[in-house]
Amino acid sequence: MMKLPRRLIVPAAVSALLLLASTGFDSPVAFARSVPPPDAWPPSWQDTPSADFSPVAFAVPSANHCHRLPTTREVAGGGRGQYERESDSSGGKRRPVDAPMAEGKLSADKKDMSREASAPPAPAAVAPMPRHSPKPQPAPSTRQQNQAATVTAGVVDDNADFGEYLAYRDRRAQGLEVRQRDVSERYPLDVVDAAGRPVHDAEVAIQRVGVAEPVAWARTDTAGRVWIHPKAFLAPEFANEQRLGIAVRKNGVQSRAMLQRGQKQAVQVQLDRTAAVARPRLDLVFMIDATGSMGDEIAKLKASMHAMSQQIAQLPGRPDICYGLVAYRDRGDAFLTRTHDFTDNLGAFQGVLAKVQADGGGDTPEALNEALHETVHGLAWRADAVRLAVMVADAPPHLDYGGPQYDRDMQAALAKGVKLFAVGASGLDPAGEYVFRQMAQYTAGRFVFLTYRDGADPSSGPGGETVHDVHQYSVQTLDRLVVRLVGDELAKLPRG
């Protein structure tokens, strides 16, 4: 083919464009297919992805014990010190993030755990993203160091004062970057045995009439109760269905009931043959924001863990306790999530907690979505246990990363019977408060928040004031409050 001189190519290209323009866009030109048809204009735009109403995926809690040293799994954040590893507390080799991990290469303890429960795949490492420089943390004064020895906190139960919670949502939801779930319609489901005692950890499936596949799952708490929020999990095309089927089972015993939407009374289901608890199992996870602004809170948790553990161990029934830890930061930091799976060895657990340091961060949101997903899906939760997650953090999640989303995983937490106690540390903004309260209310947990002498000034020392939109709250030191909340849950279990 004859090649045209370069001086002729540009005029020819210009002529072609002019000819194309003269034909108009109605002509069947090649790129006209990318122009949407008139009925699809303007293109849709969403600042926040729409809610996913497909049933959540989860693994049923099935581990038998936690009599092992804590196993560790880390997902790199892409910053300095970037690596991903899995080891027990005795150590382990680091590997670069871009090096493949041999499939099935687990520590001896992890292999033992994998026989008890089907472990989900380890989260994929994420690519680094540009970050702002971390905010400089001023050295604490002697006065501030003394005040840090005591941390006071308040607590509200948004299910107990549900009307006020709905009013709070109406006041605050506008303009916040959050993922909405409509919980305004709510029904209590109570599961009891033949003697009228609450049945803990019964599996609950909620179905559309005539459809076998459940639309939502839950597990009863220690009071034998589940809160059902149809508008939160029903897809819009099914939103007007007036009846929902409820199936309940535990230890091979099953029963059914029907929920008529709009009814005033609680739905009650009876299971005839259930066993009372001789010694309660307690799976307790601490989910900690380990970014730079969390130094005081992490130091207090470390200092009070031994005393808290002793007090929890002495609660009625002397619970069989497993401890877990999920620390998280953000993309661009040394790690995204660092998970220490359940152990009953308190000394080993305190050892991994002692290594948690506050560092990194920069922008306000953190990797809360990823941490909650790891907490709900990545730990070996035991069967027939009281499952509690205490989250201590001062920032909302990133909603611009894709991947797991907190509204889906709070539904998965309910499906696995995990209650979330969300502790708002100093500096938690209105979006963070909204998200924390969403997670706590949906899973029947509590919203906890640090309090100060001057609510707007964390350096003013411990006190009873807060900037959060809460009313009628009680105040205690944080460690005593955690013990109280755990004790309240265990106290509802019927004793055998």
Protein backbone atom coordinates (compact mmCIF):
# COMPACT_ATOMS: atom_id res chain seq x y z
CA MET A 1 0.00 0.00 0.00
CA MET A 2 1.28 3.45 -0.89
CA LYS A 3 2.11 5.57 2.16
CA LEU A 4 0.90 9.16 2.08
CA PRO A 5 3.35 11.90 2.96
CA ARG A 6 2.90 13.21 6.52
CA ARG A 7 1.92 16.67 5.16
CA LEU A 8 -1.15 15.09 3.49
CA ILE A 9 -2.31 13.08 6.54
CA VAL A 10 -3.45 15.97 8.76
CA PRO A 11 -5.54 17.72 6.05
CA ALA A 12 -7.14 14.39 5.21
CA ALA A 13 -8.03 13.79 8.87
CA VAL A 14 -9.54 17.29 9.19
CA SER A 15 -11.58 16.73 6.05
CA ALA A 16 -12.90 13.45 7.44
CA LEU A 17 -14.03 15.13 10.67
CA LEU A 18 -15.76 17.93 8.76
CA LEU A 19 -17.55 15.38 6.60
CA LEU A 20 -18.65 13.51 9.72
CA ALA A 21 -19.97 16.70 11.29
CA SER A 22 -21.95 17.55 8.16
CA THR A 23 -23.77 14.20 8.29
CA GLY A 24 -25.14 14.81 11.83
CA PHE A 25 -25.31 12.27 14.66
CA ASP A 26 -28.30 10.51 13.15
CA SER A 27 -25.95 8.82 10.68
CA PRO A 28 -24.85 5.30 11.58
CA VAL A 29 -21.31 6.27 12.58
CA ALA A 30 -19.24 3.83 14.60
CA PHE A 31 -19.21 5.68 17.94
CA ALA A 32 -22.91 6.61 17.90
CA ARG A 33 -23.62 3.38 19.81
CA SER A 34 -22.08 4.94 22.98
CA VAL A 35 -24.74 7.69 23.03
CA PRO A 36 -27.62 6.49 25.26
CA PRO A 37 -31.12 6.39 23.77
CA PRO A 38 -33.34 9.43 24.53
CA ASP A 39 -35.29 7.66 27.29
CA ALA A 40 -32.06 6.95 29.21
CA TRP A 41 -30.95 10.58 29.29
CA PRO A 42 -29.63 12.11 31.50
CA PRO A 43 -27.48 9.20 32.76
CA SER A 44 -28.21 8.09 36.32
CA TRP A 45 -25.83 9.26 39.02
CA GLN A 46 -25.43 7.94 42.56
CA ASP A 47 -23.15 9.44 45.17
CA THR A 48 -23.67 6.37 47.33
CA PRO A 49 -24.31 2.89 45.90
CA SER A 50 -27.85 1.64 46.39
CA ALA A 51 -28.53 -0.94 49.09
CA ASP A 52 -28.04 -4.61 48.29
CA PHE A 53 -31.16 -6.58 49.27
CA SER A 54 -29.90 -10.05 48.40
CA PRO A 55 -29.65 -12.39 51.42
CA VAL A 56 -26.29 -12.04 53.20
CA ALA A 57 -23.79 -14.89 53.01
CA PHE A 58 -22.31 -16.20 56.24
CA ALA A 59 -20.95 -19.34 57.88
CA VAL A 60 -22.81 -20.76 60.88
CA PRO A 61 -20.75 -20.48 64.12
CA SER A 62 -19.36 -23.99 64.61
CA ALA A 63 -16.00 -23.92 66.41
CA ASN A 64 -15.79 -26.17 69.47
CA HIS A 65 -13.07 -24.48 71.49
CA CYS A 66 -10.35 -21.81 71.50
CA HIS A 67 -7.75 -23.70 73.53
CA ARG A 68 -4.80 -22.50 71.46
CA LEU A 69 -2.39 -19.63 71.11
CA PRO A 70 -3.83 -16.74 69.08
CA THR A 71 -3.27 -17.08 65.34
CA THR A 72 -2.49 -13.89 63.45
CA ARG A 73 -3.51 -12.83 59.98
CA GLU A 74 -2.56 -9.48 58.49
CA VAL A 75 -3.68 -7.66 55.35
CA ALA A 76 -1.23 -5.00 54.24
CA GLY A 77 -2.36 -1.43 53.74
CA GLY A 78 0.24 -0.59 51.13
CA GLY A 79 2.37 1.71 53.27
CA ARG A 80 5.73 1.21 54.95
CA GLY A 81 6.31 -2.18 56.52
CA GLN A 82 3.95 -3.70 53.97
CA TYR A 83 3.51 -7.45 54.34
CA GLU A 84 0.89 -10.09 54.87
CA ARG A 85 1.43 -12.99 57.20
CA GLU A 86 -0.26 -15.72 59.14
CA SER A 87 1.38 -17.15 62.23
CA ASP A 88 0.81 -18.08 65.81
CA SER A 89 2.00 -15.90 68.69
CA SER A 90 5.43 -17.55 68.65
CA GLY A 91 6.26 -15.60 65.47
CA GLY A 92 6.28 -16.25 61.77
CA LYS A 93 8.02 -15.33 58.57
CA ARG A 94 7.06 -12.18 56.77
CA ARG A 95 6.41 -12.31 53.07
CA PRO A 96 6.11 -9.45 50.57
CA VAL A 97 2.54 -8.68 49.57
CA ASP A 98 3.22 -9.48 45.91
CA ALA A 99 4.63 -12.94 46.73
CA PRO A 100 2.08 -15.76 46.40
CA MET A 101 1.11 -17.62 49.54
CA ALA A 102 1.19 -21.40 49.25
CA GLU A 103 -2.38 -22.64 49.31
CA GLY A 104 -3.24 -24.46 52.50
CA LYS A 105 -0.13 -23.21 54.31
CA LEU A 106 -1.41 -22.72 57.84
CA SER A 107 0.05 -22.90 61.30
CA ALA A 108 -0.74 -25.98 63.38
CA ASP A 109 -3.28 -24.03 65.43
CA LYS A 110 -4.92 -22.67 62.28
CA LYS A 111 -5.22 -26.17 60.84
CA ASP A 112 -6.91 -27.24 64.05
CA MET A 113 -9.34 -24.35 63.74
CA SER A 114 -10.08 -25.08 60.09
CA ARG A 115 -11.35 -28.52 61.02
CA GLU A 116 -13.94 -26.93 63.30
CA ALA A 117 -15.28 -24.23 61.01
CA SER A 118 -15.06 -23.47 57.34
CA ALA A 119 -12.74 -20.48 57.24
CA PRO A 120 -13.46 -17.82 54.62
CA PRO A 121 -10.72 -16.88 52.18
CA ALA A 122 -8.23 -14.33 53.45
CA PRO A 123 -9.03 -10.83 52.20
CA ALA A 124 -7.01 -9.72 49.21
CA ALA A 125 -4.36 -7.10 49.78
CA VAL A 126 -5.40 -3.71 48.47
CA ALA A 127 -3.43 -1.32 46.35
CA PRO A 128 -1.97 1.73 48.09
CA MET A 129 -3.76 5.00 47.69
CA PRO A 130 -2.43 8.52 48.13
CA ARG A 131 -2.90 9.65 51.70
CA HIS A 132 -2.74 12.95 53.48
CA SER A 133 0.07 13.31 55.96
CA PRO A 134 -0.98 12.05 59.41
CA LYS A 135 -2.10 14.75 61.77
CA PRO A 136 0.73 15.56 64.20
CA GLN A 137 -0.04 14.34 67.70
CA PRO A 138 1.17 16.77 70.41
CA ALA A 139 3.07 15.27 73.31
CA PRO A 140 0.67 14.88 76.26
CA SER A 141 1.19 17.11 79.26
CA THR A 142 1.56 15.68 82.76
CA ARG A 143 -2.03 16.75 83.49
CA GLN A 144 -3.29 14.95 80.39
CA GLN A 145 -1.30 11.81 81.25
CA ASN A 146 -2.88 11.69 84.69
CA GLN A 147 -6.35 12.22 83.25
CA ALA A 148 -5.80 9.42 80.71
CA ALA A 149 -5.58 6.96 83.62
CA THR A 150 -9.37 7.30 83.94
CA VAL A 151 -11.69 7.14 80.95
CA THR A 152 -15.39 7.74 81.53
CA ALA A 153 -18.10 6.71 79.12
CA GLY A 154 -21.85 6.90 78.65
CA VAL A 155 -24.16 4.37 77.06
CA VAL A 156 -27.56 4.43 75.36
CA ASP A 157 -29.80 1.57 74.28
CA ASP A 158 -31.47 2.67 71.07
CA ASN A 159 -33.76 -0.36 71.08
CA ALA A 160 -35.04 0.40 74.57
CA ASP A 161 -35.78 4.03 73.59
CA PHE A 162 -36.67 3.32 69.97
CA GLY A 163 -38.86 6.38 69.47
CA GLU A 164 -36.01 8.70 70.43
CA TYR A 165 -33.68 6.77 68.13
CA LEU A 166 -36.02 7.27 65.16
CA ALA A 167 -36.27 10.97 66.04
CA TYR A 168 -32.46 11.15 66.12
CA ARG A 169 -32.30 9.58 62.65
CA ASP A 170 -34.76 12.13 61.33
CA ARG A 171 -32.70 14.97 62.80
CA ARG A 172 -29.31 13.79 61.62
CA ALA A 173 -29.55 11.66 58.47
CA GLN A 174 -29.71 14.51 55.97
CA GLY A 175 -26.37 15.13 54.26
CA LEU A 176 -24.39 12.40 56.04
CA GLU A 177 -22.30 9.96 54.01
CA VAL A 178 -23.83 6.76 55.37
CA ARG A 179 -25.56 3.67 54.00
CA GLN A 180 -29.21 3.85 54.92
CA ARG A 181 -31.30 0.91 56.09
CA ASP A 182 -34.91 1.64 57.01
CA VAL A 183 -35.49 0.27 60.53
CA SER A 184 -38.64 2.29 61.23
CA GLU A 185 -40.80 -0.86 61.07
CA ARG A 186 -39.77 -3.25 63.83
CA TYR A 187 -41.15 -6.43 65.44
CA PRO A 188 -39.84 -8.45 68.38
CA LEU A 189 -39.55 -12.21 67.99
CA ASP A 190 -39.28 -14.18 71.26
CA VAL A 191 -38.26 -17.83 71.33
CA VAL A 192 -39.02 -19.79 74.53
CA ASP A 193 -38.90 -23.38 75.68
CA ALA A 194 -41.76 -25.45 77.13
CA ALA A 195 -41.19 -23.86 80.56
CA GLY A 196 -41.34 -20.33 79.12
CA ARG A 197 -37.59 -19.73 79.50
CA PRO A 198 -35.72 -17.84 76.75
CA VAL A 199 -33.90 -19.94 74.17
CA HIS A 200 -30.49 -18.52 73.34
CA ASP A 201 -28.78 -18.93 69.96
CA ALA A 202 -31.75 -20.38 68.10
CA GLU A 203 -31.39 -20.04 64.33
CA VAL A 204 -34.11 -17.90 62.72
CA ALA A 205 -34.99 -17.85 59.01
CA ILE A 206 -37.40 -15.21 57.66
CA GLN A 207 -39.21 -16.06 54.40
CA ARG A 208 -41.62 -14.62 51.91
CA VAL A 209 -44.84 -16.61 51.78
CA GLY A 210 -44.49 -19.57 49.43
CA VAL A 211 -40.76 -18.97 48.79
CA ALA A 212 -38.26 -21.44 50.27
CA GLU A 213 -35.19 -19.21 50.09
CA PRO A 214 -35.03 -17.01 53.24
CA VAL A 215 -34.77 -13.26 52.77
CA ALA A 216 -33.01 -12.76 56.12
CA TRP A 217 -31.35 -14.71 58.92
CA ALA A 218 -30.84 -14.08 62.62
CA ARG A 219 -29.95 -15.81 65.88
CA THR A 220 -31.66 -15.15 69.21
CA ASP A 221 -29.74 -13.35 71.94
CA THR A 222 -29.45 -14.41 75.58
CA ALA A 223 -33.00 -13.12 76.21
CA GLY A 224 -34.29 -15.35 73.38
CA ARG A 225 -35.12 -12.27 71.31
CA VAL A 226 -34.53 -11.00 67.77
CA TRP A 227 -35.63 -7.62 66.41
CA ILE A 228 -37.02 -8.00 62.86
CA HIS A 229 -36.86 -4.98 60.51
CA PRO A 230 -38.66 -5.95 57.27
CA LYS A 231 -37.92 -2.71 55.39
CA ALA A 232 -34.20 -3.15 56.04
CA PHE A 233 -33.92 -6.45 54.17
CA LEU A 234 -36.91 -6.71 51.81
CA ALA A 235 -36.14 -5.69 48.23
CA PRO A 236 -38.30 -2.80 46.98
CA GLU A 237 -40.37 -5.07 44.72
CA PHE A 238 -41.43 -7.10 47.79
CA ALA A 239 -41.79 -4.19 50.20
CA ASN A 240 -45.62 -4.40 50.31
CA GLU A 241 -45.92 -8.08 51.18
CA GLN A 242 -48.01 -8.22 54.34
CA ARG A 243 -47.03 -11.61 55.73
CA LEU A 244 -43.64 -13.16 56.42
CA GLY A 245 -42.95 -16.72 57.47
CA ILE A 246 -40.61 -17.40 60.39
CA ALA A 247 -38.83 -20.72 60.91
CA VAL A 248 -36.86 -21.39 64.12
CA ARG A 249 -34.64 -24.31 65.07
CA LYS A 250 -32.10 -25.38 67.65
CA ASN A 251 -30.53 -28.77 68.34
CA GLY A 252 -32.78 -30.46 65.82
CA VAL A 253 -36.01 -29.02 67.27
CA GLN A 254 -38.00 -26.83 64.89
CA SER A 255 -41.06 -24.59 64.94
CA ARG A 256 -42.78 -22.02 62.73
CA ALA A 257 -44.77 -18.81 63.05
CA MET A 258 -46.27 -16.09 60.86
CA LEU A 259 -45.60 -12.36 61.10
CA GLN A 260 -48.52 -10.17 60.01
CA ARG A 261 -47.00 -6.78 59.30
CA GLY A 262 -48.63 -4.06 61.36
CA GLN A 263 -49.38 -6.35 64.32
CA LYS A 264 -48.84 -4.87 67.77
CA GLN A 265 -47.89 -7.94 69.76
CA ALA A 266 -44.57 -9.78 69.67
CA VAL A 267 -44.19 -12.92 67.61
CA GLN A 268 -43.62 -15.87 69.96
CA VAL A 269 -42.26 -19.28 68.99
CA GLN A 270 -41.93 -22.26 71.33
CA LEU A 271 -39.28 -24.96 71.06
CA ASP A 272 -40.24 -27.91 73.25
CA ARG A 273 -36.92 -29.58 74.01
CA THR A 274 -33.96 -27.35 74.80
CA ALA A 275 -31.20 -27.67 77.39
CA ALA A 276 -30.37 -24.96 79.91
CA VAL A 277 -26.77 -23.72 80.05
CA ALA A 278 -24.49 -25.21 82.68
CA ARG A 279 -21.52 -22.90 82.05
CA PRO A 280 -21.93 -20.10 79.52
CA ARG A 281 -19.52 -19.68 76.64
CA LEU A 282 -18.41 -16.11 75.94
CA ASP A 283 -16.65 -15.11 72.71
CA LEU A 284 -15.42 -11.54 73.24
CA VAL A 285 -13.71 -9.58 70.45
CA PHE A 286 -12.09 -6.17 70.70
CA MET A 287 -12.15 -4.34 67.36
CA ILE A 288 -9.75 -1.41 67.59
CA ASP A 289 -9.03 1.57 65.36
CA ALA A 290 -5.21 1.68 65.58
CA THR A 291 -4.65 4.96 63.72
CA GLY A 292 -2.62 7.81 65.16
CA SER A 293 -5.44 9.62 66.99
CA MET A 294 -6.31 6.55 69.12
CA GLY A 295 -3.24 6.53 71.40
CA ASP A 296 -5.02 7.38 74.67
CA GLU A 297 -7.83 4.88 74.16
CA ILE A 298 -5.47 2.05 73.23
CA ALA A 299 -3.27 2.78 76.25
CA LYS A 300 -6.29 2.65 78.56
CA LEU A 301 -7.51 -0.61 77.06
CA LYS A 302 -4.10 -2.18 77.61
CA ALA A 303 -3.89 -0.91 81.18
CA SER A 304 -7.35 -2.15 82.15
CA MET A 305 -7.55 -5.46 80.25
CA HIS A 306 -6.28 -7.67 83.07
CA ALA A 307 -8.68 -6.20 85.63
CA MET A 308 -11.59 -6.33 83.17
CA SER A 309 -10.85 -9.96 82.36
CA GLN A 310 -10.72 -10.93 86.03
CA GLN A 311 -14.06 -9.24 86.69
CA ILE A 312 -15.70 -10.87 83.67
CA ALA A 313 -14.36 -14.28 84.71
CA GLN A 314 -16.05 -13.84 88.11
CA LEU A 315 -19.49 -13.03 86.69
CA PRO A 316 -22.34 -15.44 87.56
CA GLY A 317 -21.82 -18.78 85.85
CA ARG A 318 -18.05 -18.15 85.58
CA PRO A 319 -18.08 -18.01 81.79
CA ASP A 320 -15.73 -19.96 79.55
CA ILE A 321 -14.09 -17.01 77.76
CA CYS A 322 -12.40 -16.76 74.36
CA TYR A 323 -10.66 -13.48 73.48
CA GLY A 324 -10.13 -12.13 69.97
CA LEU A 325 -8.66 -8.94 68.55
CA VAL A 326 -9.05 -7.14 65.21
CA ALA A 327 -6.92 -4.00 64.82
CA TYR A 328 -7.28 -1.85 61.72
CA ARG A 329 -5.95 1.28 60.08
CA ASP A 330 -6.42 2.27 56.43
CA ARG A 331 -5.05 2.05 52.91
CA GLY A 332 -1.60 3.56 52.70
CA ASP A 333 -0.73 2.46 56.26
CA ALA A 334 1.49 -0.43 57.36
CA PHE A 335 -1.58 -2.69 57.60
CA LEU A 336 -5.24 -2.59 56.72
CA THR A 337 -6.41 -5.21 59.23
CA ARG A 338 -4.49 -7.31 61.72
CA THR A 339 -6.53 -10.18 63.14
CA HIS A 340 -5.74 -12.32 66.18
CA ASP A 341 -8.15 -15.24 66.31
CA PHE A 342 -9.77 -16.53 69.47
CA THR A 343 -7.74 -17.85 72.38
CA ASP A 344 -8.49 -18.75 75.99
CA ASN A 345 -4.92 -17.87 76.97
CA LEU A 346 -5.34 -14.46 78.59
CA GLY A 347 -1.58 -13.90 78.89
CA ALA A 348 -1.06 -14.56 75.17
CA PHE A 349 -3.99 -12.30 74.31
CA GLN A 350 -2.54 -9.49 76.43
CA GLY A 351 0.74 -10.03 74.62
CA VAL A 352 -0.78 -9.36 71.20
CA LEU A 353 -2.78 -6.43 72.59
CA ALA A 354 0.43 -4.93 74.00
CA LYS A 355 1.88 -4.80 70.50
CA VAL A 356 -0.95 -2.64 69.13
CA GLN A 357 0.36 0.87 68.55
CA ALA A 358 -1.49 3.96 67.33
CA ASP A 359 -0.01 5.14 64.04
CA GLY A 360 -0.98 6.16 60.51
CA GLY A 361 -4.32 7.53 59.43
CA GLY A 362 -4.53 10.97 57.90
CA ASP A 363 -7.93 11.46 56.32
CA THR A 364 -10.90 11.03 58.64
CA PRO A 365 -12.56 7.77 57.47
CA GLU A 366 -10.73 4.50 58.18
CA ALA A 367 -10.95 0.84 57.10
CA LEU A 368 -13.93 0.11 59.34
CA ASN A 369 -15.78 -1.79 56.61
CA GLU A 370 -12.90 -4.22 56.18
CA ALA A 371 -12.43 -4.62 59.93
CA LEU A 372 -16.10 -5.38 60.55
CA HIS A 373 -16.09 -7.90 57.69
CA GLU A 374 -13.04 -9.59 59.20
CA THR A 375 -14.63 -9.60 62.66
CA VAL A 376 -17.89 -11.17 61.48
CA HIS A 377 -16.55 -13.59 58.86
CA GLY A 378 -12.88 -14.19 59.65
CA LEU A 379 -12.98 -15.40 63.26
CA ALA A 380 -13.71 -18.91 64.54
CA TRP A 381 -16.86 -18.09 66.53
CA ARG A 382 -18.00 -20.97 68.74
CA ALA A 383 -21.32 -22.74 68.58
CA ASP A 384 -23.84 -21.93 71.32
CA ALA A 385 -21.80 -19.01 72.67
CA VAL A 386 -22.61 -15.47 73.72
CA ARG A 387 -20.87 -13.51 70.93
CA LEU A 388 -19.94 -9.90 71.64
CA ALA A 389 -17.77 -7.45 69.68
CA VAL A 390 -16.56 -4.27 71.42
CA MET A 391 -15.47 -1.74 68.80
CA VAL A 392 -13.37 1.23 69.96
CA ALA A 393 -12.92 3.84 67.22
CA ASP A 394 -13.11 7.55 66.42
CA ALA A 395 -13.93 7.64 62.70
CA PRO A 396 -16.55 6.42 60.20
CA PRO A 397 -15.78 3.93 57.42
CA HIS A 398 -14.62 4.76 53.92
CA LEU A 399 -17.62 4.43 51.60
CA ASP A 400 -15.56 5.11 48.46
CA TYR A 401 -13.39 1.99 48.42
CA GLY A 402 -15.83 -0.67 47.21
CA GLY A 403 -15.50 -4.11 48.77
CA PRO A 404 -17.37 -5.00 51.97
CA GLN A 405 -19.93 -2.55 53.36
CA TYR A 406 -20.92 -2.18 56.99
CA ASP A 407 -24.69 -2.35 56.39
CA ARG A 408 -24.32 -5.81 54.84
CA ASP A 409 -22.01 -7.04 57.57
CA MET A 410 -24.21 -5.79 60.41
CA GLN A 411 -26.88 -8.01 58.84
CA ALA A 412 -24.39 -10.88 58.72
CA ALA A 413 -23.54 -10.18 62.39
CA LEU A 414 -27.23 -10.60 63.28
CA ALA A 415 -27.30 -13.81 61.24
CA LYS A 416 -24.37 -15.15 63.30
CA GLY A 417 -25.67 -13.85 66.62
CA VAL A 418 -22.90 -11.28 67.13
CA LYS A 419 -23.85 -8.17 69.11
CA LEU A 420 -21.90 -5.00 68.36
CA PHE A 421 -21.05 -2.59 71.16
CA ALA A 422 -19.74 0.48 69.32
CA VAL A 423 -17.58 2.76 71.47
CA GLY A 424 -17.18 6.27 70.05
CA ALA A 425 -13.83 7.75 71.09
CA SER A 426 -13.01 11.47 71.18
CA GLY A 427 -13.37 13.21 67.84
CA LEU A 428 -16.06 10.90 66.43
CA ASP A 429 -17.97 13.04 63.93
CA PRO A 430 -21.76 12.98 63.23
CA ALA A 431 -21.37 10.46 60.38
CA GLY A 432 -19.40 8.17 62.66
CA GLU A 433 -21.99 8.44 65.42
CA TYR A 434 -24.76 7.62 62.94
CA VAL A 435 -22.94 4.53 61.61
CA PHE A 436 -21.98 3.31 65.10
CA ARG A 437 -25.57 3.59 66.28
CA GLN A 438 -26.85 1.83 63.14
CA MET A 439 -24.62 -1.18 63.82
CA ALA A 440 -25.41 -1.32 67.53
CA GLN A 441 -29.18 -0.93 67.13
CA TYR A 442 -29.51 -3.50 64.34
CA THR A 443 -27.63 -6.17 66.28
CA ALA A 444 -29.30 -5.27 69.63
CA GLY A 445 -26.02 -3.96 71.05
CA ARG A 446 -25.33 -0.56 72.62
CA PHE A 447 -23.80 2.75 71.56
CA VAL A 448 -21.08 3.76 74.02
CA PHE A 449 -19.28 7.12 73.92
CA LEU A 450 -16.47 8.69 75.91
CA THR A 451 -17.43 11.57 78.20
CA TYR A 452 -15.45 14.52 79.59
CA ARG A 453 -15.70 17.36 82.08
CA ASP A 454 -16.23 19.61 79.05
CA GLY A 455 -17.84 17.53 76.33
CA ALA A 456 -16.20 19.56 73.55
CA ASP A 457 -12.71 19.34 75.06
CA PRO A 458 -11.25 15.82 75.55
CA SER A 459 -8.25 17.35 77.37
CA SER A 460 -10.60 18.59 80.15
CA GLY A 461 -10.48 15.18 81.84
CA PRO A 462 -13.10 12.58 82.77
CA GLY A 463 -16.64 13.75 83.39
CA GLY A 464 -20.24 13.33 82.32
CA GLU A 465 -20.54 15.56 79.24
CA THR A 466 -20.58 14.69 75.53
CA VAL A 467 -21.16 16.39 72.19
CA HIS A 468 -23.13 13.42 70.84
CA ASP A 469 -26.87 13.63 70.18
CA VAL A 470 -27.91 11.48 73.16
CA HIS A 471 -30.21 11.89 76.12
CA GLN A 472 -30.82 10.07 79.41
CA TYR A 473 -27.52 8.23 79.56
CA SER A 474 -25.60 6.77 82.48
CA VAL A 475 -21.84 7.28 83.00
CA GLN A 476 -19.18 4.92 84.36
CA THR A 477 -15.50 4.31 83.80
CA LEU A 478 -15.09 2.54 80.48
CA ASP A 479 -13.67 -0.67 81.93
CA ARG A 480 -16.54 -1.03 84.44
CA LEU A 481 -19.04 -0.24 81.72
CA VAL A 482 -17.71 -3.04 79.50
CA VAL A 483 -17.92 -5.49 82.43
CA ARG A 484 -21.47 -4.34 83.14
CA LEU A 485 -22.60 -4.79 79.55
CA VAL A 486 -21.10 -8.29 79.39
CA GLY A 487 -22.71 -9.12 82.73
CA ASP A 488 -26.10 -7.92 81.52
CA GLU A 489 -25.92 -10.29 78.55
CA LEU A 490 -24.85 -13.30 80.61
CA ALA A 491 -27.47 -12.65 83.30
CA LYS A 492 -30.32 -13.32 80.86
CA LEU A 493 -29.23 -16.91 80.21
CA PRO A 494 -31.34 -19.53 82.02
CA ARG A 495 -29.11 -21.64 84.30
CA GLY A 496 -29.20 -25.43 84.34
